[in-house]
Amino acid sequence: MTTTALPSADRHTSRRPSAAKVRRRAAPYVFVAPFLAIFLAFSIYPLIFTARLSFTNWRGTGAAEWVGWGNYTYLLTSPAFWNSLANSGVLWLLIVPIQVVIAVVVAVLLNSAKLRMRGMYRVAFIVPFVTPLVAVAQIWVVLFDQRYGAINAVLGVFGAPEIGWLTTSAWAKPTLALLFLWKTTGFIIIIVLSGLQSIDNALYEAAELDGASRLRQLWSITVPLLRRTIMFAVVLQTLAVFQMFAEPFVVTQGGPYSSTTTAGYYLYNHITRADLGTGAANSFLLVILVMVLSLFFVRLLRAKD
């Protein structure tokens, strides 16, 4: 039996993928293309533009003057820049450690099978987080007003003197920290609670058989197994604290005496003065700082592992 060879044109045609195969191969790229376009337009391009802008002196109009490392040198030798970082560092110490302890304790209580209406409590804790921040900050201004605020009015009943919660350097940071704690702790509780629910109950049952108390179980089982969740929350709140802007903007305007000028608020000041080159350099220094802190916490976690 003889076989007839296909003509050359037919052989090439048979090797070509069909239109349906071409569409199937191209479909993933077509579906991803809108995201890539948005990502390039609103993330990559602004990042590159900001990086280039940080080496210039630009006021928003006209040609940008190239100044090299001048903006970075100015910031790194500026007492105001270091003061803003110090303020954010103090706020971090006033917020994150306390918030983590509260979140772990409350999450353990909410996870208890003996607690009734757990769903209602979870909703109650998340309500402050979804409440508009500007509205909450305005309420804080009214509550902590030195002369007419409700806080001083209640303290006055017990004979306490008026406290300048928002007008003295000693109390302004704790007042802002309290606002941040009230606003965001519920969200951290939910994060810790999700990690808590992934722990096998058999571990607690075995600990009870060995005679371990509730406190011992918390310290020896719950906290070690929640380490990754806790470190995630710490990194998340570190980012939030060093980017804090709306709280000092609405409540204290960075005062008194720049005691609440956070890193985020200090960056805003460059924008209001149309000093966009210095502002861009400031933003990159903040990115580097937060990245170093985040890597430190991740490294700390790995060292424990």
C-alpha atoms as a PDB file:
ATOM      1  CA  MET A   1       0.000   0.000   0.000  1.00  0.00           C
ATOM      2  CA  THR A   2       1.391   3.343  -0.976  1.00  0.00           C
ATOM      3  CA  THR A   3       0.964   6.532   1.023  1.00  0.00           C
ATOM      4  CA  THR A   4       0.531   9.871  -0.585  1.00  0.00           C
ATOM      5  CA  ALA A   5       2.625  12.678   0.907  1.00  0.00           C
ATOM      6  CA  LEU A   6       0.824  15.896   1.742  1.00  0.00           C
ATOM      7  CA  PRO A   7       1.797  18.911  -0.308  1.00  0.00           C
ATOM      8  CA  SER A   8       4.163  21.331   1.369  1.00  0.00           C
ATOM      9  CA  ALA A   9       1.467  23.966   1.893  1.00  0.00           C
ATOM     10  CA  ASP A  10      -0.846  21.403   3.541  1.00  0.00           C
ATOM     11  CA  ARG A  11       1.912  20.242   5.907  1.00  0.00           C
ATOM     12  CA  HIS A  12       2.529  23.803   7.117  1.00  0.00           C
ATOM     13  CA  THR A  13      -1.215  24.363   7.486  1.00  0.00           C
ATOM     14  CA  SER A  14      -1.603  21.238   9.626  1.00  0.00           C
ATOM     15  CA  ARG A  15       1.137  22.422  12.018  1.00  0.00           C
ATOM     16  CA  ARG A  16      -0.493  25.795  12.636  1.00  0.00           C
ATOM     17  CA  PRO A  17      -2.557  26.006  15.830  1.00  0.00           C
ATOM     18  CA  SER A  18      -6.251  26.422  15.272  1.00  0.00           C
ATOM     19  CA  ALA A  19      -8.043  29.664  16.042  1.00  0.00           C
ATOM     20  CA  ALA A  20      -9.647  28.063  19.093  1.00  0.00           C
ATOM     21  CA  LYS A  21      -6.232  27.073  20.502  1.00  0.00           C
ATOM     22  CA  VAL A  22      -4.903  30.582  19.922  1.00  0.00           C
ATOM     23  CA  ARG A  23      -7.862  32.046  21.805  1.00  0.00           C
ATOM     24  CA  ARG A  24      -7.411  29.618  24.694  1.00  0.00           C
ATOM     25  CA  ARG A  25      -3.722  30.470  24.967  1.00  0.00           C
ATOM     26  CA  ALA A  26      -4.365  34.204  24.794  1.00  0.00           C
ATOM     27  CA  ALA A  27      -7.315  34.206  27.214  1.00  0.00           C
ATOM     28  CA  PRO A  28      -5.247  34.329  30.458  1.00  0.00           C
ATOM     29  CA  TYR A  29      -3.223  37.267  29.173  1.00  0.00           C
ATOM     30  CA  VAL A  30      -6.371  39.097  28.066  1.00  0.00           C
ATOM     31  CA  PHE A  31      -7.953  38.677  31.491  1.00  0.00           C
ATOM     32  CA  VAL A  32      -4.775  39.794  33.277  1.00  0.00           C
ATOM     33  CA  ALA A  33      -4.157  42.742  30.945  1.00  0.00           C
ATOM     34  CA  PRO A  34      -6.553  45.208  32.689  1.00  0.00           C
ATOM     35  CA  PHE A  35      -4.909  44.557  36.048  1.00  0.00           C
ATOM     36  CA  LEU A  36      -1.432  44.930  34.563  1.00  0.00           C
ATOM     37  CA  ALA A  37      -2.431  48.187  32.883  1.00  0.00           C
ATOM     38  CA  ILE A  38      -3.852  49.601  36.123  1.00  0.00           C
ATOM     39  CA  PHE A  39      -0.842  48.345  38.114  1.00  0.00           C
ATOM     40  CA  LEU A  40       1.614  49.934  35.705  1.00  0.00           C
ATOM     41  CA  ALA A  41      -0.344  53.194  35.503  1.00  0.00           C
ATOM     42  CA  PHE A  42      -1.082  53.694  39.191  1.00  0.00           C
ATOM     43  CA  SER A  43       1.758  51.837  40.951  1.00  0.00           C
ATOM     44  CA  ILE A  44       4.893  51.344  38.869  1.00  0.00           C
ATOM     45  CA  TYR A  45       4.824  54.646  36.983  1.00  0.00           C
ATOM     46  CA  PRO A  46       4.158  56.775  40.114  1.00  0.00           C
ATOM     47  CA  LEU A  47       6.934  54.920  41.922  1.00  0.00           C
ATOM     48  CA  ILE A  48       9.435  55.624  39.144  1.00  0.00           C
ATOM     49  CA  PHE A  49       8.228  59.221  38.840  1.00  0.00           C
ATOM     50  CA  THR A  50       8.572  59.760  42.613  1.00  0.00           C
ATOM     51  CA  ALA A  51      12.048  58.227  42.621  1.00  0.00           C
ATOM     52  CA  ARG A  52      13.167  60.623  39.910  1.00  0.00           C
ATOM     53  CA  LEU A  53      11.380  63.526  41.606  1.00  0.00           C
ATOM     54  CA  SER A  54      13.256  62.909  44.864  1.00  0.00           C
ATOM     55  CA  PHE A  55      16.470  64.011  43.153  1.00  0.00           C
ATOM     56  CA  THR A  56      15.014  67.317  41.952  1.00  0.00           C
ATOM     57  CA  ASN A  57      13.785  70.622  43.288  1.00  0.00           C
ATOM     58  CA  TRP A  58      10.288  70.931  41.816  1.00  0.00           C
ATOM     59  CA  ARG A  59       7.440  73.136  42.972  1.00  0.00           C
ATOM     60  CA  GLY A  60       4.746  71.606  40.787  1.00  0.00           C
ATOM     61  CA  THR A  61       5.194  73.962  37.838  1.00  0.00           C
ATOM     62  CA  GLY A  62       7.988  74.689  35.446  1.00  0.00           C
ATOM     63  CA  ALA A  63      11.099  72.639  34.868  1.00  0.00           C
ATOM     64  CA  ALA A  64      12.476  70.458  37.645  1.00  0.00           C
ATOM     65  CA  GLU A  65      15.965  71.419  38.845  1.00  0.00           C
ATOM     66  CA  TRP A  66      18.265  68.436  39.372  1.00  0.00           C
ATOM     67  CA  VAL A  67      19.806  68.553  42.866  1.00  0.00           C
ATOM     68  CA  GLY A  68      21.126  64.997  43.186  1.00  0.00           C
ATOM     69  CA  TRP A  69      21.278  63.798  46.778  1.00  0.00           C
ATOM     70  CA  GLY A  70      20.530  67.285  48.118  1.00  0.00           C
ATOM     71  CA  ASN A  71      17.010  66.454  49.325  1.00  0.00           C
ATOM     72  CA  TYR A  72      18.188  63.363  51.165  1.00  0.00           C
ATOM     73  CA  THR A  73      21.098  65.254  52.729  1.00  0.00           C
ATOM     74  CA  TYR A  74      18.750  68.000  53.879  1.00  0.00           C
ATOM     75  CA  LEU A  75      16.343  65.524  55.509  1.00  0.00           C
ATOM     76  CA  LEU A  76      19.024  63.427  57.184  1.00  0.00           C
ATOM     77  CA  THR A  77      20.524  66.560  58.755  1.00  0.00           C
ATOM     78  CA  SER A  78      17.170  68.118  59.661  1.00  0.00           C
ATOM     79  CA  PRO A  79      16.182  68.021  63.367  1.00  0.00           C
ATOM     80  CA  ALA A  80      12.523  68.301  62.359  1.00  0.00           C
ATOM     81  CA  PHE A  81      12.741  65.092  60.316  1.00  0.00           C
ATOM     82  CA  TRP A  82      14.327  63.145  63.160  1.00  0.00           C
ATOM     83  CA  ASN A  83      11.815  64.643  65.594  1.00  0.00           C
ATOM     84  CA  SER A  84       8.953  63.321  63.462  1.00  0.00           C
ATOM     85  CA  LEU A  85      10.507  59.842  63.471  1.00  0.00           C
ATOM     86  CA  ALA A  86      11.007  60.056  67.249  1.00  0.00           C
ATOM     87  CA  ASN A  87       7.359  61.055  67.716  1.00  0.00           C
ATOM     88  CA  SER A  88       6.238  58.097  65.612  1.00  0.00           C
ATOM     89  CA  GLY A  89       8.562  55.812  67.578  1.00  0.00           C
ATOM     90  CA  VAL A  90       7.088  56.949  70.901  1.00  0.00           C
ATOM     91  CA  LEU A  91       3.565  56.458  69.556  1.00  0.00           C
ATOM     92  CA  TRP A  92       4.562  52.968  68.437  1.00  0.00           C
ATOM     93  CA  LEU A  93       5.683  52.141  71.971  1.00  0.00           C
ATOM     94  CA  LEU A  94       2.430  53.540  73.382  1.00  0.00           C
ATOM     95  CA  ILE A  95       0.249  51.646  70.910  1.00  0.00           C
ATOM     96  CA  VAL A  96       1.566  48.371  69.517  1.00  0.00           C
ATOM     97  CA  PRO A  97       2.693  46.470  72.668  1.00  0.00           C
ATOM     98  CA  ILE A  98      -0.499  47.421  74.540  1.00  0.00           C
ATOM     99  CA  GLN A  99      -2.637  46.611  71.519  1.00  0.00           C
ATOM    100  CA  VAL A 100      -1.124  43.161  71.071  1.00  0.00           C
ATOM    101  CA  VAL A 101      -1.696  42.251  74.733  1.00  0.00           C
ATOM    102  CA  ILE A 102      -5.298  43.485  74.625  1.00  0.00           C
ATOM    103  CA  ALA A 103      -5.953  41.683  71.329  1.00  0.00           C
ATOM    104  CA  VAL A 104      -4.643  38.337  72.588  1.00  0.00           C
ATOM    105  CA  VAL A 105      -6.575  38.499  75.880  1.00  0.00           C
ATOM    106  CA  VAL A 106      -9.846  39.610  74.283  1.00  0.00           C
ATOM    107  CA  ALA A 107      -9.526  37.103  71.429  1.00  0.00           C
ATOM    108  CA  VAL A 108      -9.082  34.276  73.948  1.00  0.00           C
ATOM    109  CA  LEU A 109     -12.219  35.413  75.776  1.00  0.00           C
ATOM    110  CA  LEU A 110     -14.210  35.708  72.543  1.00  0.00           C
ATOM    111  CA  ASN A 111     -13.092  32.235  71.505  1.00  0.00           C
ATOM    112  CA  SER A 112     -14.452  30.667  74.696  1.00  0.00           C
ATOM    113  CA  ALA A 113     -17.349  28.285  74.077  1.00  0.00           C
ATOM    114  CA  LYS A 114     -18.909  29.401  77.371  1.00  0.00           C
ATOM    115  CA  LEU A 115     -19.304  32.998  76.210  1.00  0.00           C
ATOM    116  CA  ARG A 116     -22.800  33.849  75.032  1.00  0.00           C
ATOM    117  CA  MET A 117     -23.596  36.246  72.193  1.00  0.00           C
ATOM    118  CA  ARG A 118     -20.036  36.031  70.846  1.00  0.00           C
ATOM    119  CA  GLY A 119     -21.186  37.311  67.456  1.00  0.00           C
ATOM    120  CA  MET A 120     -22.539  40.507  69.006  1.00  0.00           C
ATOM    121  CA  TYR A 121     -19.262  41.158  70.799  1.00  0.00           C
ATOM    122  CA  ARG A 122     -17.262  40.621  67.614  1.00  0.00           C
ATOM    123  CA  VAL A 123     -19.423  43.124  65.749  1.00  0.00           C
ATOM    124  CA  ALA A 124     -19.088  45.601  68.626  1.00  0.00           C
ATOM    125  CA  PHE A 125     -15.292  45.401  68.514  1.00  0.00           C
ATOM    126  CA  ILE A 126     -15.124  45.944  64.741  1.00  0.00           C
ATOM    127  CA  VAL A 127     -17.517  48.934  64.692  1.00  0.00           C
ATOM    128  CA  PRO A 128     -14.832  51.490  65.723  1.00  0.00           C
ATOM    129  CA  PHE A 129     -12.576  50.299  62.902  1.00  0.00           C
ATOM    130  CA  VAL A 130     -15.213  50.908  60.218  1.00  0.00           C
ATOM    131  CA  THR A 131     -16.277  54.260  61.717  1.00  0.00           C
ATOM    132  CA  PRO A 132     -14.963  57.231  59.671  1.00  0.00           C
ATOM    133  CA  LEU A 133     -11.723  58.414  61.238  1.00  0.00           C
ATOM    134  CA  VAL A 134     -12.388  62.140  60.807  1.00  0.00           C
ATOM    135  CA  ALA A 135     -15.693  61.834  62.674  1.00  0.00           C
ATOM    136  CA  VAL A 136     -14.012  59.948  65.522  1.00  0.00           C
ATOM    137  CA  ALA A 137     -11.189  62.508  65.674  1.00  0.00           C
ATOM    138  CA  GLN A 138     -13.681  65.358  65.940  1.00  0.00           C
ATOM    139  CA  ILE A 139     -15.404  63.575  68.824  1.00  0.00           C
ATOM    140  CA  TRP A 140     -11.987  63.180  70.463  1.00  0.00           C
ATOM    141  CA  VAL A 141     -11.412  66.935  70.197  1.00  0.00           C
ATOM    142  CA  VAL A 142     -14.716  67.594  71.978  1.00  0.00           C
ATOM    143  CA  LEU A 143     -14.188  64.943  74.672  1.00  0.00           C
ATOM    144  CA  PHE A 144     -10.652  66.017  75.548  1.00  0.00           C
ATOM    145  CA  ASP A 145     -11.117  69.782  75.397  1.00  0.00           C
ATOM    146  CA  GLN A 146      -9.375  71.278  78.415  1.00  0.00           C
ATOM    147  CA  ARG A 147     -12.201  73.594  79.504  1.00  0.00           C
ATOM    148  CA  TYR A 148     -15.408  72.094  78.137  1.00  0.00           C
ATOM    149  CA  GLY A 149     -14.503  68.442  77.509  1.00  0.00           C
ATOM    150  CA  ALA A 150     -16.394  65.582  79.130  1.00  0.00           C
ATOM    151  CA  ILE A 151     -13.200  63.888  80.337  1.00  0.00           C
ATOM    152  CA  ASN A 152     -12.080  66.825  82.441  1.00  0.00           C
ATOM    153  CA  ALA A 153     -15.664  67.307  83.654  1.00  0.00           C
ATOM    154  CA  VAL A 154     -15.754  63.744  84.982  1.00  0.00           C
ATOM    155  CA  LEU A 155     -12.305  64.089  86.561  1.00  0.00           C
ATOM    156  CA  GLY A 156     -13.355  67.373  88.140  1.00  0.00           C
ATOM    157  CA  VAL A 157     -16.057  65.547  90.087  1.00  0.00           C
ATOM    158  CA  PHE A 158     -13.261  63.736  91.912  1.00  0.00           C
ATOM    159  CA  GLY A 159     -11.337  66.941  92.521  1.00  0.00           C
ATOM    160  CA  ALA A 160      -8.756  66.467  89.758  1.00  0.00           C
ATOM    161  CA  PRO A 161      -7.381  69.616  88.095  1.00  0.00           C
ATOM    162  CA  GLU A 162      -7.980  70.415  84.436  1.00  0.00           C
ATOM    163  CA  ILE A 163      -5.577  68.574  82.163  1.00  0.00           C
ATOM    164  CA  GLY A 164      -4.486  69.947  78.811  1.00  0.00           C
ATOM    165  CA  TRP A 165      -4.895  66.691  76.935  1.00  0.00           C
ATOM    166  CA  LEU A 166      -4.347  68.281  73.532  1.00  0.00           C
ATOM    167  CA  THR A 167      -2.444  71.419  74.513  1.00  0.00           C
ATOM    168  CA  THR A 168       0.511  70.032  76.499  1.00  0.00           C
ATOM    169  CA  SER A 169       3.411  67.994  75.149  1.00  0.00           C
ATOM    170  CA  ALA A 170       3.179  65.507  78.012  1.00  0.00           C
ATOM    171  CA  TRP A 171      -0.413  64.472  77.279  1.00  0.00           C
ATOM    172  CA  ALA A 172      -0.836  65.018  73.530  1.00  0.00           C
ATOM    173  CA  LYS A 173       0.892  61.791  72.474  1.00  0.00           C
ATOM    174  CA  PRO A 174      -0.973  59.540  74.954  1.00  0.00           C
ATOM    175  CA  THR A 175      -4.268  61.126  73.832  1.00  0.00           C
ATOM    176  CA  LEU A 176      -3.473  60.386  70.176  1.00  0.00           C
ATOM    177  CA  ALA A 177      -2.347  56.878  71.115  1.00  0.00           C
ATOM    178  CA  LEU A 178      -5.644  56.299  72.930  1.00  0.00           C
ATOM    179  CA  LEU A 179      -7.542  57.393  69.829  1.00  0.00           C
ATOM    180  CA  PHE A 180      -5.532  55.018  67.662  1.00  0.00           C
ATOM    181  CA  LEU A 181      -6.036  52.168  70.145  1.00  0.00           C
ATOM    182  CA  TRP A 182      -9.790  52.695  70.286  1.00  0.00           C
ATOM    183  CA  LYS A 183     -10.023  52.911  66.492  1.00  0.00           C
ATOM    184  CA  THR A 184      -7.925  49.919  65.423  1.00  0.00           C
ATOM    185  CA  THR A 185      -7.727  47.424  68.279  1.00  0.00           C
ATOM    186  CA  GLY A 186     -10.951  45.712  67.205  1.00  0.00           C
ATOM    187  CA  PHE A 187      -9.433  44.905  63.823  1.00  0.00           C
ATOM    188  CA  ILE A 188      -6.342  43.383  65.470  1.00  0.00           C
ATOM    189  CA  ILE A 189      -8.612  41.344  67.754  1.00  0.00           C
ATOM    190  CA  ILE A 190     -10.328  39.842  64.718  1.00  0.00           C
ATOM    191  CA  ILE A 191      -6.958  38.984  63.160  1.00  0.00           C
ATOM    192  CA  VAL A 192      -5.740  37.295  66.360  1.00  0.00           C
ATOM    193  CA  LEU A 193      -9.085  35.514  66.734  1.00  0.00           C
ATOM    194  CA  SER A 194      -8.751  34.032  63.244  1.00  0.00           C
ATOM    195  CA  GLY A 195      -5.314  32.682  64.174  1.00  0.00           C
ATOM    196  CA  LEU A 196      -6.627  31.397  67.485  1.00  0.00           C
ATOM    197  CA  GLN A 197      -9.351  29.363  65.808  1.00  0.00           C
ATOM    198  CA  SER A 198      -6.766  27.470  63.771  1.00  0.00           C
ATOM    199  CA  ILE A 199      -5.204  25.954  66.927  1.00  0.00           C
ATOM    200  CA  ASP A 200      -6.193  22.334  67.532  1.00  0.00           C
ATOM    201  CA  ASN A 201      -8.325  21.934  70.675  1.00  0.00           C
ATOM    202  CA  ALA A 202      -6.625  18.603  71.337  1.00  0.00           C
ATOM    203  CA  LEU A 203      -3.587  20.530  72.574  1.00  0.00           C
ATOM    204  CA  TYR A 204      -5.647  22.209  75.274  1.00  0.00           C
ATOM    205  CA  GLU A 205      -7.317  18.931  76.227  1.00  0.00           C
ATOM    206  CA  ALA A 206      -3.920  17.277  76.634  1.00  0.00           C
ATOM    207  CA  ALA A 207      -2.711  20.224  78.728  1.00  0.00           C
ATOM    208  CA  GLU A 208      -5.738  19.964  81.000  1.00  0.00           C
ATOM    209  CA  LEU A 209      -5.036  16.260  81.521  1.00  0.00           C
ATOM    210  CA  ASP A 210      -1.505  17.223  82.567  1.00  0.00           C
ATOM    211  CA  GLY A 211      -2.961  19.667  85.094  1.00  0.00           C
ATOM    212  CA  ALA A 212      -1.953  22.899  83.302  1.00  0.00           C
ATOM    213  CA  SER A 213      -3.886  25.979  84.405  1.00  0.00           C
ATOM    214  CA  ARG A 214      -5.609  28.355  81.996  1.00  0.00           C
ATOM    215  CA  LEU A 215      -2.813  30.880  82.393  1.00  0.00           C
ATOM    216  CA  ARG A 216      -0.210  28.204  81.719  1.00  0.00           C
ATOM    217  CA  GLN A 217      -2.081  27.079  78.595  1.00  0.00           C
ATOM    218  CA  LEU A 218      -2.212  30.690  77.386  1.00  0.00           C
ATOM    219  CA  TRP A 219       1.522  31.192  77.851  1.00  0.00           C
ATOM    220  CA  SER A 220       2.763  27.762  76.687  1.00  0.00           C
ATOM    221  CA  ILE A 221       0.295  26.937  73.896  1.00  0.00           C
ATOM    222  CA  THR A 222      -1.677  29.941  72.705  1.00  0.00           C
ATOM    223  CA  VAL A 223       1.057  32.584  72.540  1.00  0.00           C
ATOM    224  CA  PRO A 224       3.704  30.386  70.813  1.00  0.00           C
ATOM    225  CA  LEU A 225       1.211  29.137  68.212  1.00  0.00           C
ATOM    226  CA  LEU A 226      -0.035  32.677  67.620  1.00  0.00           C
ATOM    227  CA  ARG A 227       3.478  34.011  67.027  1.00  0.00           C
ATOM    228  CA  ARG A 228       3.085  34.339  63.263  1.00  0.00           C
ATOM    229  CA  THR A 229      -0.293  36.009  63.598  1.00  0.00           C
ATOM    230  CA  ILE A 230       1.040  38.396  66.242  1.00  0.00           C
ATOM    231  CA  MET A 231       4.049  39.326  64.121  1.00  0.00           C
ATOM    232  CA  PHE A 232       1.754  39.974  61.148  1.00  0.00           C
ATOM    233  CA  ALA A 233      -0.312  42.299  63.327  1.00  0.00           C
ATOM    234  CA  VAL A 234       2.836  44.042  64.593  1.00  0.00           C
ATOM    235  CA  VAL A 235       4.110  44.659  61.056  1.00  0.00           C
ATOM    236  CA  LEU A 236       0.666  45.879  59.973  1.00  0.00           C
ATOM    237  CA  GLN A 237       0.411  48.326  62.862  1.00  0.00           C
ATOM    238  CA  THR A 238       3.997  49.499  62.413  1.00  0.00           C
ATOM    239  CA  LEU A 239       3.056  50.572  58.903  1.00  0.00           C
ATOM    240  CA  ALA A 240      -0.080  52.279  60.198  1.00  0.00           C
ATOM    241  CA  VAL A 241       1.676  54.166  63.020  1.00  0.00           C
ATOM    242  CA  PHE A 242       4.473  55.543  60.833  1.00  0.00           C
ATOM    243  CA  GLN A 243       1.910  56.581  58.207  1.00  0.00           C
ATOM    244  CA  MET A 244      -0.366  58.217  60.808  1.00  0.00           C
ATOM    245  CA  PHE A 245      -1.674  61.478  59.416  1.00  0.00           C
ATOM    246  CA  ALA A 246      -5.395  62.076  59.944  1.00  0.00           C
ATOM    247  CA  GLU A 247      -5.223  61.805  63.745  1.00  0.00           C
ATOM    248  CA  PRO A 248      -2.667  64.604  64.310  1.00  0.00           C
ATOM    249  CA  PHE A 249      -4.091  66.616  61.405  1.00  0.00           C
ATOM    250  CA  VAL A 250      -7.583  66.789  62.878  1.00  0.00           C
ATOM    251  CA  VAL A 251      -6.877  66.598  66.611  1.00  0.00           C
ATOM    252  CA  THR A 252      -3.637  68.530  67.255  1.00  0.00           C
ATOM    253  CA  GLN A 253      -2.374  69.891  63.895  1.00  0.00           C
ATOM    254  CA  GLY A 254       1.020  68.463  64.850  1.00  0.00           C
ATOM    255  CA  GLY A 255       1.264  70.462  68.081  1.00  0.00           C
ATOM    256  CA  PRO A 256       1.841  71.488  70.702  1.00  0.00           C
ATOM    257  CA  TYR A 257       5.406  72.428  69.864  1.00  0.00           C
ATOM    258  CA  SER A 258       5.578  69.726  67.164  1.00  0.00           C
ATOM    259  CA  SER A 259       5.179  67.009  69.803  1.00  0.00           C
ATOM    260  CA  THR A 260       2.621  65.166  67.658  1.00  0.00           C
ATOM    261  CA  THR A 261       4.170  65.839  64.260  1.00  0.00           C
ATOM    262  CA  THR A 262       4.365  62.250  63.081  1.00  0.00           C
ATOM    263  CA  ALA A 263       6.371  61.002  60.111  1.00  0.00           C
ATOM    264  CA  GLY A 264       3.249  61.031  57.964  1.00  0.00           C
ATOM    265  CA  TYR A 265       2.252  64.527  59.055  1.00  0.00           C
ATOM    266  CA  TYR A 266       5.776  65.859  58.464  1.00  0.00           C
ATOM    267  CA  LEU A 267       5.625  64.476  54.925  1.00  0.00           C
ATOM    268  CA  TYR A 268       2.325  66.308  54.414  1.00  0.00           C
ATOM    269  CA  ASN A 269       3.983  69.597  55.377  1.00  0.00           C
ATOM    270  CA  HIS A 270       6.297  69.352  52.345  1.00  0.00           C
ATOM    271  CA  ILE A 271       3.295  68.926  50.068  1.00  0.00           C
ATOM    272  CA  THR A 272       1.489  71.977  51.491  1.00  0.00           C
ATOM    273  CA  ARG A 273       4.627  74.041  50.823  1.00  0.00           C
ATOM    274  CA  ALA A 274       4.808  72.633  47.283  1.00  0.00           C
ATOM    275  CA  ASP A 275       8.253  71.258  48.103  1.00  0.00           C
ATOM    276  CA  LEU A 276       7.555  68.119  46.112  1.00  0.00           C
ATOM    277  CA  GLY A 277      11.148  67.014  45.638  1.00  0.00           C
ATOM    278  CA  THR A 278      11.853  66.946  49.375  1.00  0.00           C
ATOM    279  CA  GLY A 279       8.493  65.284  49.969  1.00  0.00           C
ATOM    280  CA  ALA A 280       9.350  62.532  47.495  1.00  0.00           C
ATOM    281  CA  ALA A 281      12.710  61.954  49.204  1.00  0.00           C
ATOM    282  CA  ASN A 282      10.955  61.889  52.580  1.00  0.00           C
ATOM    283  CA  SER A 283       8.528  59.240  51.360  1.00  0.00           C
ATOM    284  CA  PHE A 284      11.365  57.017  50.153  1.00  0.00           C
ATOM    285  CA  LEU A 285      13.183  57.329  53.474  1.00  0.00           C
ATOM    286  CA  LEU A 286       9.980  56.272  55.239  1.00  0.00           C
ATOM    287  CA  VAL A 287       9.638  53.285  52.914  1.00  0.00           C
ATOM    288  CA  ILE A 288      13.190  52.209  53.708  1.00  0.00           C
ATOM    289  CA  LEU A 289      12.644  52.652  57.461  1.00  0.00           C
ATOM    290  CA  VAL A 290       9.395  50.676  57.522  1.00  0.00           C
ATOM    291  CA  MET A 291      10.936  47.975  55.344  1.00  0.00           C
ATOM    292  CA  VAL A 292      13.871  47.612  57.744  1.00  0.00           C
ATOM    293  CA  LEU A 293      11.507  47.391  60.726  1.00  0.00           C
ATOM    294  CA  SER A 294       9.342  44.817  58.956  1.00  0.00           C
ATOM    295  CA  LEU A 295      12.371  42.700  58.043  1.00  0.00           C
ATOM    296  CA  PHE A 296      13.518  42.913  61.653  1.00  0.00           C
ATOM    297  CA  PHE A 297      10.211  41.507  62.896  1.00  0.00           C
ATOM    298  CA  VAL A 298      10.211  38.780  60.235  1.00  0.00           C
ATOM    299  CA  ARG A 299      13.788  37.863  61.156  1.00  0.00           C
ATOM    300  CA  LEU A 300      12.783  37.772  64.813  1.00  0.00           C
ATOM    301  CA  LEU A 301       9.996  35.375  63.918  1.00  0.00           C
ATOM    302  CA  ARG A 302      12.322  33.087  61.955  1.00  0.00           C
ATOM    303  CA  ALA A 303      14.827  33.058  64.804  1.00  0.00           C
ATOM    304  CA  LYS A 304      12.090  31.706  67.073  1.00  0.00           C
ATOM    305  CA  ASP A 305      11.204  29.028  64.520  1.00  0.00           C
END
